[in-house]
N, C-alpha and C. Protein backbone atom coordinates (compact mmCIF):
# COMPACT_ATOMS: atom_id res chain seq x y z
N MET A 1 -17.71 40.41 -125.80
CA MET A 1 -19.05 40.87 -125.82
C MET A 1 -19.03 42.36 -126.29
N ASN A 2 -19.80 42.72 -127.43
CA ASN A 2 -19.84 44.00 -127.79
C ASN A 2 -21.11 44.80 -127.09
N VAL A 3 -20.83 46.05 -126.73
CA VAL A 3 -21.64 46.76 -126.04
C VAL A 3 -21.98 48.00 -126.97
N THR A 4 -23.19 48.18 -127.36
CA THR A 4 -23.58 49.27 -128.26
C THR A 4 -24.19 50.36 -127.48
N ALA A 5 -23.99 51.53 -127.97
CA ALA A 5 -24.47 52.81 -127.28
C ALA A 5 -25.97 52.73 -127.45
N ARG A 6 -26.66 53.20 -126.41
CA ARG A 6 -28.13 53.39 -126.56
C ARG A 6 -28.40 54.71 -127.25
N PRO A 7 -29.35 54.74 -128.13
CA PRO A 7 -29.81 56.03 -128.66
C PRO A 7 -30.42 56.98 -127.73
N SER A 8 -30.29 58.20 -128.00
CA SER A 8 -31.12 59.23 -127.17
C SER A 8 -32.53 58.90 -127.19
N ALA A 9 -33.19 59.51 -126.17
CA ALA A 9 -34.72 59.27 -126.09
C ALA A 9 -35.28 59.88 -127.35
N ALA A 10 -34.91 61.04 -127.82
CA ALA A 10 -35.52 61.70 -128.92
C ALA A 10 -35.29 60.86 -130.12
N ALA A 11 -34.07 60.37 -130.31
CA ALA A 11 -33.75 59.52 -131.48
C ALA A 11 -34.60 58.15 -131.49
N PHE A 12 -34.80 57.65 -130.31
CA PHE A 12 -35.57 56.40 -130.13
C PHE A 12 -37.13 56.75 -130.53
N ILE A 13 -37.69 57.68 -129.90
CA ILE A 13 -39.03 58.10 -130.23
C ILE A 13 -39.18 58.48 -131.73
N GLY A 14 -38.26 59.20 -132.21
CA GLY A 14 -38.37 59.65 -133.54
C GLY A 14 -38.22 58.63 -134.64
N GLY A 15 -37.71 57.48 -134.19
CA GLY A 15 -37.53 56.36 -135.09
C GLY A 15 -38.81 55.49 -135.14
N GLY A 16 -39.81 55.83 -134.39
CA GLY A 16 -41.02 55.07 -134.33
C GLY A 16 -41.81 55.14 -135.75
N PRO A 17 -42.60 54.04 -136.03
CA PRO A 17 -43.36 53.99 -137.33
C PRO A 17 -44.22 55.15 -137.53
N ASP A 18 -44.85 55.76 -136.55
CA ASP A 18 -45.87 56.76 -136.81
C ASP A 18 -45.23 58.11 -136.40
N SER A 19 -43.87 58.21 -136.40
CA SER A 19 -43.23 59.49 -136.12
C SER A 19 -42.86 60.25 -137.30
N LYS A 20 -42.88 59.69 -138.42
CA LYS A 20 -42.45 60.34 -139.69
C LYS A 20 -43.45 61.21 -140.31
N HIS A 21 -42.98 62.46 -140.75
CA HIS A 21 -43.89 63.38 -141.29
C HIS A 21 -43.99 63.14 -142.77
N THR A 22 -45.10 63.54 -143.40
CA THR A 22 -45.20 63.24 -144.81
C THR A 22 -44.26 64.06 -145.65
N GLU A 23 -43.74 65.14 -145.16
CA GLU A 23 -42.71 65.90 -145.77
C GLU A 23 -41.67 66.34 -144.76
N GLU A 24 -40.42 66.18 -144.94
CA GLU A 24 -39.36 66.59 -143.86
C GLU A 24 -39.54 68.06 -143.53
N SER A 25 -39.94 68.92 -144.49
CA SER A 25 -40.02 70.27 -144.10
C SER A 25 -41.35 70.80 -143.57
N GLU A 26 -42.23 69.74 -143.31
CA GLU A 26 -43.58 70.13 -142.78
C GLU A 26 -43.45 70.67 -141.34
N GLU A 27 -44.14 71.69 -141.09
CA GLU A 27 -44.18 72.15 -139.74
C GLU A 27 -45.17 71.40 -138.81
N ILE A 28 -45.12 70.98 -137.66
CA ILE A 28 -46.00 70.29 -136.90
C ILE A 28 -46.42 71.22 -135.81
N LYS A 29 -47.68 71.21 -135.46
CA LYS A 29 -48.28 71.85 -134.37
C LYS A 29 -49.07 70.90 -133.47
N GLN A 30 -48.82 70.94 -132.20
CA GLN A 30 -49.49 70.12 -131.26
C GLN A 30 -50.71 70.72 -130.81
N ILE A 31 -51.86 69.94 -130.72
CA ILE A 31 -53.08 70.42 -130.23
C ILE A 31 -53.60 69.47 -129.17
N THR A 32 -54.77 70.03 -128.53
CA THR A 32 -55.37 69.27 -127.49
C THR A 32 -56.80 69.13 -127.75
N LEU A 33 -57.43 67.93 -127.64
CA LEU A 33 -58.81 67.68 -128.02
C LEU A 33 -59.54 67.10 -126.77
N LYS A 34 -60.81 67.60 -126.55
CA LYS A 34 -61.60 66.83 -125.58
C LYS A 34 -62.65 66.04 -126.37
N LEU A 35 -62.66 64.89 -126.05
CA LEU A 35 -63.51 63.81 -126.87
C LEU A 35 -64.32 63.13 -125.89
N PRO A 36 -65.57 62.70 -126.38
CA PRO A 36 -66.37 61.77 -125.41
C PRO A 36 -65.63 60.49 -125.26
N VAL A 37 -65.78 59.93 -123.99
CA VAL A 37 -65.12 58.68 -123.66
C VAL A 37 -65.44 57.67 -124.72
N ARG A 38 -66.61 57.50 -125.05
CA ARG A 38 -67.16 56.39 -126.04
C ARG A 38 -66.33 56.61 -127.38
N LEU A 39 -66.21 57.76 -127.89
CA LEU A 39 -65.55 57.96 -129.03
C LEU A 39 -64.01 57.69 -128.92
N LEU A 40 -63.49 58.03 -127.82
CA LEU A 40 -62.08 57.67 -127.66
C LEU A 40 -61.88 56.12 -127.59
N GLU A 41 -62.79 55.50 -127.00
CA GLU A 41 -62.72 53.99 -126.96
C GLU A 41 -62.78 53.43 -128.36
N GLN A 42 -63.69 54.02 -129.19
CA GLN A 42 -63.79 53.53 -130.50
C GLN A 42 -62.46 53.86 -131.40
N ILE A 43 -61.84 54.94 -131.09
CA ILE A 43 -60.70 55.31 -131.83
C ILE A 43 -59.58 54.31 -131.37
N ASP A 44 -59.45 54.10 -130.12
CA ASP A 44 -58.53 53.12 -129.59
C ASP A 44 -58.57 51.78 -130.21
N THR A 45 -59.85 51.30 -130.25
CA THR A 45 -60.21 50.02 -130.81
C THR A 45 -59.75 50.00 -132.31
N SER A 46 -60.10 50.92 -133.05
CA SER A 46 -59.65 51.02 -134.42
C SER A 46 -58.20 51.09 -134.67
N ALA A 47 -57.49 51.92 -133.80
CA ALA A 47 -56.10 51.99 -133.90
C ALA A 47 -55.44 50.72 -133.49
N LYS A 48 -55.94 50.03 -132.54
CA LYS A 48 -55.38 48.77 -132.18
C LYS A 48 -55.56 47.73 -133.25
N SER A 49 -56.63 47.76 -133.96
CA SER A 49 -56.88 46.82 -134.99
C SER A 49 -55.91 46.92 -136.12
N LYS A 50 -55.40 48.12 -136.29
CA LYS A 50 -54.51 48.47 -137.44
C LYS A 50 -52.99 48.45 -136.92
N ASN A 51 -52.89 48.12 -135.67
CA ASN A 51 -51.51 48.07 -135.06
C ASN A 51 -50.82 49.39 -135.14
N ILE A 52 -51.47 50.45 -134.93
CA ILE A 52 -50.91 51.79 -134.94
C ILE A 52 -51.31 52.55 -133.61
N SER A 53 -50.66 53.62 -133.35
CA SER A 53 -50.97 54.43 -132.06
C SER A 53 -52.27 55.24 -132.29
N ARG A 54 -52.74 55.69 -131.26
CA ARG A 54 -53.92 56.51 -131.27
C ARG A 54 -53.67 57.68 -132.07
N ALA A 55 -52.45 58.37 -131.82
CA ALA A 55 -52.18 59.64 -132.57
C ALA A 55 -52.04 59.38 -134.11
N ALA A 56 -51.41 58.22 -134.46
CA ALA A 56 -51.24 57.85 -135.87
C ALA A 56 -52.67 57.70 -136.50
N TYR A 57 -53.53 57.00 -135.78
CA TYR A 57 -54.88 56.73 -136.38
C TYR A 57 -55.58 58.01 -136.49
N ILE A 58 -55.54 58.85 -135.55
CA ILE A 58 -56.22 60.19 -135.61
C ILE A 58 -55.80 61.04 -136.77
N LYS A 59 -54.43 61.16 -137.03
CA LYS A 59 -53.87 61.76 -138.02
C LYS A 59 -54.27 61.22 -139.41
N MET A 60 -54.20 59.75 -139.43
CA MET A 60 -54.59 59.10 -140.77
C MET A 60 -56.21 59.48 -141.10
N VAL A 61 -57.03 59.54 -140.13
CA VAL A 61 -58.36 59.62 -140.39
C VAL A 61 -58.67 61.08 -140.72
N MET A 62 -58.01 62.04 -140.06
CA MET A 62 -58.11 63.49 -140.40
C MET A 62 -57.58 63.80 -141.73
N SER A 63 -56.55 63.16 -142.06
CA SER A 63 -56.00 63.43 -143.45
C SER A 63 -56.88 62.87 -144.58
N GLU A 64 -57.49 61.80 -144.34
CA GLU A 64 -58.39 61.20 -145.27
C GLU A 64 -59.65 62.03 -145.41
N ALA A 65 -60.18 62.68 -144.27
CA ALA A 65 -61.39 63.39 -144.24
C ALA A 65 -61.23 64.77 -145.07
N VAL A 66 -59.99 65.36 -144.89
CA VAL A 66 -59.82 66.61 -145.65
C VAL A 66 -59.54 66.43 -147.07
N GLN A 67 -59.11 65.23 -147.44
CA GLN A 67 -58.71 65.08 -148.89
C GLN A 67 -60.07 64.65 -149.64
N LYS A 68 -61.12 64.42 -149.04
CA LYS A 68 -62.45 64.16 -149.67
C LYS A 68 -63.04 65.25 -150.23
């Protein structure tokens, strides 16, 4: 029986589908938002329907909004 090494937590999380940056050299800044509960529920519903995380959905919608 082969036993494979487990990846580090950072490698595991970094390998997620919504963890990739649009450019490898892009600097990332973490922010905190206060949102109405109803809006957050709508965001979660929309993210779930697309099978992506809340953070990925918010990034996607914000990127689309600033490109308009």
